[in-house]
């Protein structure tokens, strides 16, 4: 995982994601057209830049995302919350 490469822990109490999507009728066929991921991460403030860099690189490094980009619009955002070291 990209966050692990930045030495950012992703234990369940520190990291979660909310995922939503849109399904639309495309020429009579229901298709997933959009996926939106909102990540929530508790991390020391000095790691915020690293966390944002990891998110910026994530889609181009994720095999699952790369498999559907071009077919499904994928967006993501990150909300950071301070955590003492």
N, C-alpha and C. Protein backbone atom coordinates (compact mmCIF):
# COMPACT_ATOMS: atom_id res chain seq x y z
N UNK A 1 0.83 -1.18 0.00
CA UNK A 1 0.00 0.00 0.00
C UNK A 1 0.88 1.25 0.00
N UNK A 2 0.39 2.28 -0.63
CA UNK A 2 1.15 3.50 -0.78
C UNK A 2 1.41 4.16 0.57
N UNK A 3 0.45 4.12 1.47
CA UNK A 3 0.64 4.73 2.79
C UNK A 3 1.73 4.00 3.58
N UNK A 4 1.80 2.70 3.45
CA UNK A 4 2.83 1.93 4.16
C UNK A 4 4.22 2.36 3.70
N UNK A 5 4.36 2.67 2.42
CA UNK A 5 5.64 3.15 1.90
C UNK A 5 6.06 4.47 2.53
N UNK A 6 5.09 5.23 3.02
CA UNK A 6 5.37 6.51 3.70
C UNK A 6 5.42 6.33 5.22
N UNK A 7 5.40 5.07 5.66
CA UNK A 7 5.41 4.72 7.09
C UNK A 7 4.22 5.33 7.84
N UNK A 8 3.05 5.27 7.19
CA UNK A 8 1.81 5.74 7.80
C UNK A 8 0.97 4.52 8.12
N UNK A 9 0.60 4.38 9.38
CA UNK A 9 -0.17 3.22 9.83
C UNK A 9 -1.62 3.34 9.42
N UNK A 10 -2.21 2.20 9.08
CA UNK A 10 -3.60 2.18 8.64
C UNK A 10 -4.44 1.19 9.45
N UNK A 11 -4.20 1.18 10.75
CA UNK A 11 -5.01 0.34 11.63
C UNK A 11 -6.46 0.81 11.56
N UNK A 12 -7.37 -0.10 11.85
CA UNK A 12 -8.80 0.17 11.72
C UNK A 12 -9.25 1.42 12.49
N UNK A 13 -8.69 1.67 13.64
CA UNK A 13 -9.10 2.85 14.42
C UNK A 13 -8.48 4.15 13.90
N UNK A 14 -7.57 4.05 12.92
CA UNK A 14 -6.92 5.23 12.36
C UNK A 14 -7.35 5.53 10.92
N UNK A 15 -7.94 4.56 10.25
CA UNK A 15 -8.14 4.68 8.81
C UNK A 15 -9.46 4.02 8.41
N UNK A 16 -10.23 4.73 7.60
CA UNK A 16 -11.45 4.14 7.05
C UNK A 16 -11.77 4.83 5.73
N UNK A 17 -12.64 4.21 4.98
CA UNK A 17 -13.05 4.79 3.71
C UNK A 17 -14.55 4.63 3.54
N UNK A 18 -15.17 5.65 3.01
CA UNK A 18 -16.58 5.60 2.63
C UNK A 18 -16.62 5.60 1.10
N UNK A 19 -17.29 4.61 0.53
CA UNK A 19 -17.32 4.46 -0.91
C UNK A 19 -18.77 4.53 -1.39
N UNK A 20 -19.00 5.37 -2.37
CA UNK A 20 -20.31 5.46 -3.00
C UNK A 20 -20.12 5.34 -4.50
N UNK A 21 -21.19 5.03 -5.17
CA UNK A 21 -21.11 4.91 -6.61
C UNK A 21 -22.42 5.24 -7.27
N UNK A 22 -22.36 5.45 -8.56
CA UNK A 22 -23.56 5.72 -9.35
C UNK A 22 -23.74 4.61 -10.37
N UNK A 23 -24.97 4.15 -10.48
CA UNK A 23 -25.34 3.15 -11.48
C UNK A 23 -26.33 3.83 -12.41
N UNK A 24 -26.06 3.75 -13.71
CA UNK A 24 -26.91 4.42 -14.69
C UNK A 24 -27.31 3.45 -15.79
N UNK A 25 -28.42 3.77 -16.42
CA UNK A 25 -28.88 3.02 -17.59
C UNK A 25 -28.10 3.56 -18.79
N UNK A 26 -27.27 2.73 -19.37
CA UNK A 26 -26.50 3.10 -20.55
C UNK A 26 -26.95 2.19 -21.69
N UNK A 27 -27.72 2.74 -22.60
CA UNK A 27 -28.24 1.97 -23.74
C UNK A 27 -28.98 0.72 -23.29
N UNK A 28 -29.78 0.86 -22.22
CA UNK A 28 -30.60 -0.25 -21.74
C UNK A 28 -29.87 -1.22 -20.83
N UNK A 29 -28.63 -0.93 -20.48
CA UNK A 29 -27.85 -1.80 -19.60
C UNK A 29 -27.44 -0.98 -18.38
N UNK A 30 -27.67 -1.53 -17.19
CA UNK A 30 -27.24 -0.86 -15.98
C UNK A 30 -25.73 -1.00 -15.84
N UNK A 31 -25.06 0.15 -15.66
CA UNK A 31 -23.60 0.15 -15.54
C UNK A 31 -23.18 1.01 -14.36
N UNK A 32 -22.13 0.59 -13.67
CA UNK A 32 -21.49 1.45 -12.68
C UNK A 32 -20.74 2.50 -13.49
N UNK A 33 -21.08 3.77 -13.29
CA UNK A 33 -20.44 4.83 -14.07
C UNK A 33 -19.49 5.69 -13.24
N UNK A 34 -19.70 5.72 -11.93
CA UNK A 34 -18.87 6.53 -11.06
C UNK A 34 -18.65 5.85 -9.72
N UNK A 35 -17.44 5.99 -9.21
CA UNK A 35 -17.10 5.53 -7.86
C UNK A 35 -16.41 6.70 -7.16
N UNK A 36 -16.89 7.01 -5.97
CA UNK A 36 -16.31 8.09 -5.17
C UNK A 36 -15.83 7.49 -3.85
N UNK A 37 -14.59 7.75 -3.51
CA UNK A 37 -14.01 7.23 -2.28
C UNK A 37 -13.56 8.41 -1.42
N UNK A 38 -14.01 8.41 -0.18
CA UNK A 38 -13.59 9.43 0.78
C UNK A 38 -12.84 8.71 1.89
N UNK A 39 -11.54 8.97 1.97
CA UNK A 39 -10.69 8.37 2.99
C UNK A 39 -10.65 9.28 4.21
N UNK A 40 -10.64 8.68 5.38
CA UNK A 40 -10.49 9.38 6.65
C UNK A 40 -9.27 8.78 7.35
N UNK A 41 -8.33 9.62 7.72
CA UNK A 41 -7.07 9.14 8.28
C UNK A 41 -6.65 9.99 9.46
N UNK A 42 -6.35 9.32 10.57
CA UNK A 42 -5.76 9.99 11.73
C UNK A 42 -4.26 9.74 11.66
N UNK A 43 -3.52 10.83 11.63
CA UNK A 43 -2.07 10.73 11.47
C UNK A 43 -1.44 11.97 12.09
N UNK A 44 -0.22 11.85 12.63
CA UNK A 44 0.44 13.05 13.16
C UNK A 44 0.54 14.13 12.07
N UNK A 45 0.38 15.39 12.47
CA UNK A 45 0.37 16.48 11.49
C UNK A 45 1.62 16.52 10.63
N UNK A 46 2.75 16.11 11.16
CA UNK A 46 3.99 16.14 10.36
C UNK A 46 3.96 15.10 9.23
N UNK A 47 2.98 14.19 9.24
CA UNK A 47 2.83 13.19 8.18
C UNK A 47 1.76 13.58 7.15
N UNK A 48 1.12 14.74 7.32
CA UNK A 48 0.04 15.13 6.42
C UNK A 48 0.52 15.27 4.98
N UNK A 49 1.67 15.87 4.78
CA UNK A 49 2.18 16.02 3.41
C UNK A 49 2.42 14.65 2.78
N UNK A 50 2.99 13.72 3.55
CA UNK A 50 3.21 12.36 3.05
C UNK A 50 1.88 11.69 2.70
N UNK A 51 0.88 11.88 3.54
CA UNK A 51 -0.43 11.27 3.29
C UNK A 51 -1.04 11.83 2.01
N UNK A 52 -0.95 13.13 1.82
CA UNK A 52 -1.49 13.74 0.60
C UNK A 52 -0.72 13.28 -0.65
N UNK A 53 0.59 13.14 -0.54
CA UNK A 53 1.39 12.62 -1.66
C UNK A 53 0.98 11.19 -2.00
N UNK A 54 0.74 10.39 -0.97
CA UNK A 54 0.32 9.01 -1.20
C UNK A 54 -1.02 8.96 -1.93
N UNK A 55 -1.95 9.80 -1.51
CA UNK A 55 -3.25 9.83 -2.18
C UNK A 55 -3.10 10.28 -3.64
N UNK A 56 -2.26 11.27 -3.87
CA UNK A 56 -2.05 11.75 -5.24
C UNK A 56 -1.52 10.64 -6.15
N UNK A 57 -0.73 9.73 -5.61
CA UNK A 57 -0.13 8.65 -6.41
C UNK A 57 -1.01 7.40 -6.47
N UNK A 58 -1.99 7.32 -5.59
CA UNK A 58 -2.72 6.06 -5.40
C UNK A 58 -3.39 5.52 -6.66
N UNK A 59 -4.18 6.33 -7.34
CA UNK A 59 -4.93 5.80 -8.49
C UNK A 59 -4.03 5.25 -9.58
N UNK A 60 -2.90 5.90 -9.83
CA UNK A 60 -2.02 5.39 -10.90
C UNK A 60 -1.23 4.15 -10.48
N UNK A 61 -1.22 3.86 -9.18
CA UNK A 61 -0.50 2.68 -8.68
C UNK A 61 -1.42 1.53 -8.29
N UNK A 62 -2.72 1.76 -8.26
CA UNK A 62 -3.68 0.75 -7.81
C UNK A 62 -4.10 -0.15 -8.97
N UNK A 63 -3.82 -1.45 -8.90
CA UNK A 63 -4.21 -2.35 -9.99
C UNK A 63 -5.71 -2.37 -10.25
N UNK A 64 -6.52 -2.32 -9.20
CA UNK A 64 -7.98 -2.34 -9.39
C UNK A 64 -8.44 -1.08 -10.10
N UNK A 65 -7.96 0.06 -9.66
CA UNK A 65 -8.34 1.32 -10.31
C UNK A 65 -7.87 1.35 -11.76
N UNK A 66 -6.66 0.92 -12.00
CA UNK A 66 -6.13 0.93 -13.36
C UNK A 66 -6.90 -0.01 -14.28
N UNK A 67 -7.51 -1.03 -13.71
CA UNK A 67 -8.28 -1.98 -14.52
C UNK A 67 -9.59 -1.38 -15.03
N UNK A 68 -10.13 -0.37 -14.33
CA UNK A 68 -11.44 0.17 -14.72
C UNK A 68 -11.40 1.63 -15.17
N UNK A 69 -10.28 2.31 -14.96
CA UNK A 69 -10.19 3.70 -15.42
C UNK A 69 -10.42 3.72 -16.92
N UNK A 70 -11.22 4.64 -17.36
CA UNK A 70 -11.62 4.70 -18.76
C UNK A 70 -13.03 4.16 -18.94
N UNK A 71 -13.45 3.27 -18.04
CA UNK A 71 -14.81 2.72 -18.07
C UNK A 71 -15.65 3.31 -16.95
N UNK A 72 -15.02 3.59 -15.83
CA UNK A 72 -15.70 4.12 -14.65
C UNK A 72 -14.93 5.36 -14.20
N UNK A 73 -15.66 6.44 -13.94
CA UNK A 73 -15.05 7.66 -13.42
C UNK A 73 -14.77 7.44 -11.93
N UNK A 74 -13.52 7.54 -11.53
CA UNK A 74 -13.13 7.31 -10.14
C UNK A 74 -12.60 8.62 -9.56
N UNK A 75 -13.14 9.00 -8.41
CA UNK A 75 -12.62 10.17 -7.71
C UNK A 75 -12.39 9.79 -6.25
N UNK A 76 -11.47 10.52 -5.64
CA UNK A 76 -11.21 10.25 -4.23
C UNK A 76 -10.75 11.53 -3.54
N UNK A 77 -10.96 11.54 -2.23
CA UNK A 77 -10.52 12.67 -1.42
C UNK A 77 -10.09 12.13 -0.06
N UNK A 78 -9.30 12.95 0.63
CA UNK A 78 -8.74 12.55 1.91
C UNK A 78 -9.06 13.59 2.96
N UNK A 79 -9.58 13.16 4.08
CA UNK A 79 -9.78 14.03 5.25
C UNK A 79 -8.79 13.57 6.31
N UNK A 80 -7.97 14.51 6.76
CA UNK A 80 -6.96 14.19 7.76
C UNK A 80 -7.39 14.73 9.12
N UNK A 81 -7.08 13.95 10.15
CA UNK A 81 -7.35 14.36 11.52
C UNK A 81 -6.06 14.22 12.30
N UNK A 82 -5.70 15.23 13.10
CA UNK A 82 -4.45 15.15 13.84
C UNK A 82 -4.47 14.02 14.87
N UNK A 83 -3.31 13.45 15.06
CA UNK A 83 -3.13 12.39 16.04
C UNK A 83 -1.75 12.56 16.64
N UNK A 84 -1.62 12.48 17.94
CA UNK A 84 -0.27 12.56 18.52
C UNK A 84 0.56 11.35 18.10
N UNK A 85 1.83 11.53 18.04
CA UNK A 85 2.73 10.41 17.66
C UNK A 85 2.74 9.32 18.69
